[in-house]
Amino acid sequence: MKRSTSVLLLAAVLFAGAGAWFGWHRLAPAAPQVTAVSNLFGMTLPDLKDQPQALAQWKGQTLLVNFWATWCAPCVEEMPELSALHTELAGKSIHVIGIGIDSPSSLREFALKLPVSYPLYVGGMGGSELTRQFGNQAGGLPFSVLISSDGQVRKTYLGRLNMQEVRRDIAGL
């Protein structure tokens, strides 16, 4: 138990460092792999109630996928804005979902303190591999992906989101 906690802590420090460095330098992510969207829609992830959820349920809708972690300060800072965006877009077939790169217990505890209006899923450490498929080679967080209703990656964002930019990008779809 102590060893797994140490491993998680080390991973958290590495991700936080990478996220801070890339957020500071604002390096552009690489091009997403062709299979990234189909891999996303092929996944089943637990929600915060530990119920398996097929991400294929979002296929055919415009989607902003936000990869985040409880220990990532910029991730936490943008969550209220993402929640407001999700509420604003309700009924327009445009959705925000969050995939937490963290342990299920940490994500559940966090959601009790800062509830959001959009669905949150537990990606665990496997979620970081998915971010790499979308072009996030260093694994920095937060990392978001805008996917159009036809399943095309329209834009990726590394670092804290600029909500005006995101709204413009969504309006341009």
C-alpha atoms as a PDB file:
ATOM      1  CA  MET A   1       0.000   0.000   0.000  1.00  0.00           C
ATOM      2  CA  LYS A   2       2.818   2.352   0.946  1.00  0.00           C
ATOM      3  CA  ARG A   3       4.667   1.572  -2.288  1.00  0.00           C
ATOM      4  CA  SER A   4       1.625   2.252  -4.503  1.00  0.00           C
ATOM      5  CA  THR A   5       1.088   5.569  -2.723  1.00  0.00           C
ATOM      6  CA  SER A   6       4.729   6.474  -3.375  1.00  0.00           C
ATOM      7  CA  VAL A   7       4.378   5.545  -7.037  1.00  0.00           C
ATOM      8  CA  LEU A   8       1.225   7.656  -7.391  1.00  0.00           C
ATOM      9  CA  LEU A   9       2.913  10.558  -5.626  1.00  0.00           C
ATOM     10  CA  LEU A  10       5.938  10.313  -7.920  1.00  0.00           C
ATOM     11  CA  ALA A  11       3.671  10.186 -10.985  1.00  0.00           C
ATOM     12  CA  ALA A  12       1.761  13.230  -9.703  1.00  0.00           C
ATOM     13  CA  VAL A  13       4.982  15.204  -9.250  1.00  0.00           C
ATOM     14  CA  LEU A  14       6.198  14.246 -12.736  1.00  0.00           C
ATOM     15  CA  PHE A  15       2.889  15.186 -14.391  1.00  0.00           C
ATOM     16  CA  ALA A  16       2.697  18.445 -12.452  1.00  0.00           C
ATOM     17  CA  GLY A  17       6.250  19.331 -13.479  1.00  0.00           C
ATOM     18  CA  ALA A  18       5.620  18.480 -17.121  1.00  0.00           C
ATOM     19  CA  GLY A  19       2.338  20.372 -17.114  1.00  0.00           C
ATOM     20  CA  ALA A  20       3.900  23.438 -15.536  1.00  0.00           C
ATOM     21  CA  TRP A  21       6.841  23.421 -17.944  1.00  0.00           C
ATOM     22  CA  PHE A  22       4.677  22.992 -21.034  1.00  0.00           C
ATOM     23  CA  GLY A  23       2.092  25.451 -19.753  1.00  0.00           C
ATOM     24  CA  TRP A  24       4.842  28.005 -19.216  1.00  0.00           C
ATOM     25  CA  HIS A  25       6.422  27.449 -22.605  1.00  0.00           C
ATOM     26  CA  ARG A  26       3.081  26.936 -24.376  1.00  0.00           C
ATOM     27  CA  LEU A  27       4.501  24.351 -26.738  1.00  0.00           C
ATOM     28  CA  ALA A  28       2.054  23.180 -29.337  1.00  0.00           C
ATOM     29  CA  PRO A  29       0.999  19.537 -29.118  1.00  0.00           C
ATOM     30  CA  ALA A  30       1.924  17.181 -31.928  1.00  0.00           C
ATOM     31  CA  ALA A  31      -0.645  16.085 -34.505  1.00  0.00           C
ATOM     32  CA  PRO A  32      -3.104  13.542 -33.117  1.00  0.00           C
ATOM     33  CA  GLN A  33      -2.857   9.933 -34.222  1.00  0.00           C
ATOM     34  CA  VAL A  34      -5.484   8.921 -36.777  1.00  0.00           C
ATOM     35  CA  THR A  35      -6.892   6.337 -34.354  1.00  0.00           C
ATOM     36  CA  ALA A  36      -7.146   8.635 -31.314  1.00  0.00           C
ATOM     37  CA  VAL A  37     -10.862   9.455 -31.669  1.00  0.00           C
ATOM     38  CA  SER A  38     -11.865   5.856 -32.408  1.00  0.00           C
ATOM     39  CA  ASN A  39      -9.789   4.739 -29.410  1.00  0.00           C
ATOM     40  CA  LEU A  40     -11.591   7.299 -27.234  1.00  0.00           C
ATOM     41  CA  PHE A  41     -15.023   6.165 -28.432  1.00  0.00           C
ATOM     42  CA  GLY A  42     -13.975   2.529 -28.004  1.00  0.00           C
ATOM     43  CA  MET A  43     -13.285   3.009 -24.300  1.00  0.00           C
ATOM     44  CA  THR A  44     -15.482   2.263 -21.352  1.00  0.00           C
ATOM     45  CA  LEU A  45     -14.470   4.216 -18.255  1.00  0.00           C
ATOM     46  CA  PRO A  46     -15.994   4.287 -14.797  1.00  0.00           C
ATOM     47  CA  ASP A  47     -17.819   7.418 -13.748  1.00  0.00           C
ATOM     48  CA  LEU A  48     -17.398   8.777 -10.219  1.00  0.00           C
ATOM     49  CA  LYS A  49     -20.049   6.337  -8.954  1.00  0.00           C
ATOM     50  CA  ASP A  50     -17.874   3.509 -10.309  1.00  0.00           C
ATOM     51  CA  GLN A  51     -20.430   2.724 -13.020  1.00  0.00           C
ATOM     52  CA  PRO A  52     -18.900   1.763 -16.380  1.00  0.00           C
ATOM     53  CA  GLN A  53     -19.728   4.273 -19.103  1.00  0.00           C
ATOM     54  CA  ALA A  54     -19.144   3.646 -22.801  1.00  0.00           C
ATOM     55  CA  LEU A  55     -17.664   6.784 -24.309  1.00  0.00           C
ATOM     56  CA  ALA A  56     -19.299   5.783 -27.592  1.00  0.00           C
ATOM     57  CA  GLN A  57     -22.413   7.464 -26.156  1.00  0.00           C
ATOM     58  CA  TRP A  58     -20.822  10.776 -27.239  1.00  0.00           C
ATOM     59  CA  LYS A  59     -20.213   9.721 -30.838  1.00  0.00           C
ATOM     60  CA  GLY A  60     -21.897  12.028 -33.366  1.00  0.00           C
ATOM     61  CA  GLN A  61     -21.820  15.035 -31.042  1.00  0.00           C
ATOM     62  CA  THR A  62     -19.354  17.879 -30.759  1.00  0.00           C
ATOM     63  CA  LEU A  63     -17.225  17.169 -27.734  1.00  0.00           C
ATOM     64  CA  LEU A  64     -14.691  19.059 -25.645  1.00  0.00           C
ATOM     65  CA  VAL A  65     -12.700  16.416 -23.768  1.00  0.00           C
ATOM     66  CA  ASN A  66     -10.756  17.817 -20.830  1.00  0.00           C
ATOM     67  CA  PHE A  67      -7.976  15.713 -19.304  1.00  0.00           C
ATOM     68  CA  TRP A  68      -7.234  16.844 -15.761  1.00  0.00           C
ATOM     69  CA  ALA A  69      -6.008  15.813 -12.314  1.00  0.00           C
ATOM     70  CA  THR A  70      -6.881  16.864  -8.772  1.00  0.00           C
ATOM     71  CA  TRP A  71      -3.285  17.904  -8.064  1.00  0.00           C
ATOM     72  CA  CYS A  72      -3.058  20.109 -11.187  1.00  0.00           C
ATOM     73  CA  ALA A  73      -3.745  23.737 -10.172  1.00  0.00           C
ATOM     74  CA  PRO A  74      -4.552  25.040 -13.705  1.00  0.00           C
ATOM     75  CA  CYS A  75      -6.919  22.078 -14.178  1.00  0.00           C
ATOM     76  CA  VAL A  76      -8.822  22.958 -11.015  1.00  0.00           C
ATOM     77  CA  GLU A  77      -8.876  26.675 -11.901  1.00  0.00           C
ATOM     78  CA  GLU A  78     -10.569  26.085 -15.261  1.00  0.00           C
ATOM     79  CA  MET A  79     -13.208  23.637 -14.010  1.00  0.00           C
ATOM     80  CA  PRO A  80     -15.797  26.270 -12.989  1.00  0.00           C
ATOM     81  CA  GLU A  81     -15.436  27.860 -16.446  1.00  0.00           C
ATOM     82  CA  LEU A  82     -15.821  24.476 -18.147  1.00  0.00           C
ATOM     83  CA  SER A  83     -18.874  23.835 -16.016  1.00  0.00           C
ATOM     84  CA  ALA A  84     -20.380  27.171 -17.091  1.00  0.00           C
ATOM     85  CA  LEU A  85     -19.575  26.380 -20.741  1.00  0.00           C
ATOM     86  CA  HIS A  86     -21.238  22.975 -20.462  1.00  0.00           C
ATOM     87  CA  THR A  87     -24.374  24.570 -18.977  1.00  0.00           C
ATOM     88  CA  GLU A  88     -24.351  27.284 -21.664  1.00  0.00           C
ATOM     89  CA  LEU A  89     -24.157  24.667 -24.434  1.00  0.00           C
ATOM     90  CA  ALA A  90     -26.835  22.375 -23.007  1.00  0.00           C
ATOM     91  CA  GLY A  91     -29.299  21.269 -25.661  1.00  0.00           C
ATOM     92  CA  LYS A  92     -26.987  22.052 -28.586  1.00  0.00           C
ATOM     93  CA  SER A  93     -25.384  18.602 -29.059  1.00  0.00           C
ATOM     94  CA  ILE A  94     -22.131  20.079 -27.782  1.00  0.00           C
ATOM     95  CA  HIS A  95     -20.799  18.560 -24.596  1.00  0.00           C
ATOM     96  CA  VAL A  96     -17.915  18.860 -22.170  1.00  0.00           C
ATOM     97  CA  ILE A  97     -16.567  15.742 -20.481  1.00  0.00           C
ATOM     98  CA  GLY A  98     -13.684  15.378 -18.062  1.00  0.00           C
ATOM     99  CA  ILE A  99     -11.293  12.451 -17.863  1.00  0.00           C
ATOM    100  CA  GLY A 100      -9.379  12.420 -14.607  1.00  0.00           C
ATOM    101  CA  ILE A 101      -5.782  11.214 -14.595  1.00  0.00           C
ATOM    102  CA  ASP A 102      -5.889  10.228 -10.961  1.00  0.00           C
ATOM    103  CA  SER A 103      -7.101   7.530  -8.588  1.00  0.00           C
ATOM    104  CA  PRO A 104     -10.860   6.923  -8.335  1.00  0.00           C
ATOM    105  CA  SER A 105     -10.909   7.816  -4.624  1.00  0.00           C
ATOM    106  CA  SER A 106      -9.074  11.125  -5.199  1.00  0.00           C
ATOM    107  CA  LEU A 107     -11.453  12.065  -8.020  1.00  0.00           C
ATOM    108  CA  ARG A 108     -14.548  11.211  -5.948  1.00  0.00           C
ATOM    109  CA  GLU A 109     -13.302  13.209  -2.942  1.00  0.00           C
ATOM    110  CA  PHE A 110     -12.465  16.155  -5.184  1.00  0.00           C
ATOM    111  CA  ALA A 111     -15.895  16.157  -6.860  1.00  0.00           C
ATOM    112  CA  LEU A 112     -17.550  16.445  -3.446  1.00  0.00           C
ATOM    113  CA  LYS A 113     -15.604  19.657  -2.820  1.00  0.00           C
ATOM    114  CA  LEU A 114     -15.967  21.163  -6.311  1.00  0.00           C
ATOM    115  CA  PRO A 115     -18.998  19.759  -8.128  1.00  0.00           C
ATOM    116  CA  VAL A 116     -19.212  20.373 -11.874  1.00  0.00           C
ATOM    117  CA  SER A 117     -22.104  20.215 -14.329  1.00  0.00           C
ATOM    118  CA  TYR A 118     -20.380  17.959 -16.857  1.00  0.00           C
ATOM    119  CA  PRO A 119     -19.656  14.227 -16.649  1.00  0.00           C
ATOM    120  CA  LEU A 120     -16.391  13.118 -15.088  1.00  0.00           C
ATOM    121  CA  TYR A 121     -14.765   9.785 -15.831  1.00  0.00           C
ATOM    122  CA  VAL A 122     -11.869   7.962 -14.215  1.00  0.00           C
ATOM    123  CA  GLY A 123      -9.087   7.603 -16.756  1.00  0.00           C
ATOM    124  CA  GLY A 124      -6.400   6.710 -14.244  1.00  0.00           C
ATOM    125  CA  MET A 125      -2.874   6.506 -15.535  1.00  0.00           C
ATOM    126  CA  GLY A 126      -4.186   4.941 -18.780  1.00  0.00           C
ATOM    127  CA  GLY A 127      -5.778   8.307 -19.549  1.00  0.00           C
ATOM    128  CA  SER A 128      -2.331   9.821 -19.986  1.00  0.00           C
ATOM    129  CA  GLU A 129      -1.662   7.366 -22.835  1.00  0.00           C
ATOM    130  CA  LEU A 130      -4.827   8.606 -24.519  1.00  0.00           C
ATOM    131  CA  THR A 131      -3.592  12.218 -24.247  1.00  0.00           C
ATOM    132  CA  ARG A 132      -0.418  11.144 -26.041  1.00  0.00           C
ATOM    133  CA  GLN A 133      -2.489   9.673 -28.853  1.00  0.00           C
ATOM    134  CA  PHE A 134      -4.119  13.094 -29.173  1.00  0.00           C
ATOM    135  CA  GLY A 135      -0.666  14.708 -29.514  1.00  0.00           C
ATOM    136  CA  ASN A 136       0.266  15.475 -25.902  1.00  0.00           C
ATOM    137  CA  GLN A 137       3.691  13.823 -26.089  1.00  0.00           C
ATOM    138  CA  ALA A 138       4.950  15.073 -22.716  1.00  0.00           C
ATOM    139  CA  GLY A 139       1.724  14.304 -20.850  1.00  0.00           C
ATOM    140  CA  GLY A 140       1.223  17.862 -19.566  1.00  0.00           C
ATOM    141  CA  LEU A 141      -2.080  18.814 -17.944  1.00  0.00           C
ATOM    142  CA  PRO A 142      -4.588  20.240 -18.423  1.00  0.00           C
ATOM    143  CA  PHE A 143      -5.007  19.006 -21.958  1.00  0.00           C
ATOM    144  CA  SER A 144      -8.229  19.384 -23.934  1.00  0.00           C
ATOM    145  CA  VAL A 145      -9.418  18.128 -27.306  1.00  0.00           C
ATOM    146  CA  LEU A 146     -12.206  19.612 -29.431  1.00  0.00           C
ATOM    147  CA  ILE A 147     -13.840  16.892 -31.533  1.00  0.00           C
ATOM    148  CA  SER A 148     -16.484  17.784 -34.138  1.00  0.00           C
ATOM    149  CA  SER A 149     -19.671  15.790 -34.601  1.00  0.00           C
ATOM    150  CA  ASP A 150     -18.105  14.015 -37.582  1.00  0.00           C
ATOM    151  CA  GLY A 151     -15.374  12.606 -35.317  1.00  0.00           C
ATOM    152  CA  GLN A 152     -12.547  14.895 -36.452  1.00  0.00           C
ATOM    153  CA  VAL A 153     -10.092  16.478 -34.024  1.00  0.00           C
ATOM    154  CA  ARG A 154     -10.541  20.194 -34.683  1.00  0.00           C
ATOM    155  CA  LYS A 155      -8.137  21.529 -32.081  1.00  0.00           C
ATOM    156  CA  THR A 156      -6.063  20.515 -29.088  1.00  0.00           C
ATOM    157  CA  TYR A 157      -5.199  22.761 -26.162  1.00  0.00           C
ATOM    158  CA  LEU A 158      -2.273  22.279 -23.792  1.00  0.00           C
ATOM    159  CA  GLY A 159      -2.430  24.272 -20.574  1.00  0.00           C
ATOM    160  CA  ARG A 160      -5.199  26.309 -19.011  1.00  0.00           C
ATOM    161  CA  LEU A 161      -7.974  27.049 -21.471  1.00  0.00           C
ATOM    162  CA  ASN A 162      -8.771  30.513 -22.777  1.00  0.00           C
ATOM    163  CA  MET A 163     -12.561  30.274 -22.808  1.00  0.00           C
ATOM    164  CA  GLN A 164     -12.996  33.032 -25.401  1.00  0.00           C
ATOM    165  CA  GLU A 165     -10.778  31.042 -27.757  1.00  0.00           C
ATOM    166  CA  VAL A 166     -12.702  27.831 -27.038  1.00  0.00           C
ATOM    167  CA  ARG A 167     -16.048  29.565 -27.685  1.00  0.00           C
ATOM    168  CA  ARG A 168     -14.706  30.944 -31.007  1.00  0.00           C
ATOM    169  CA  ASP A 169     -13.450  27.492 -31.988  1.00  0.00           C
ATOM    170  CA  ILE A 170     -16.816  25.913 -31.168  1.00  0.00           C
ATOM    171  CA  ALA A 171     -18.689  28.646 -33.061  1.00  0.00           C
ATOM    172  CA  GLY A 172     -16.456  27.975 -36.083  1.00  0.00           C
ATOM    173  CA  LEU A 173     -17.544  24.342 -36.370  1.00  0.00           C
END
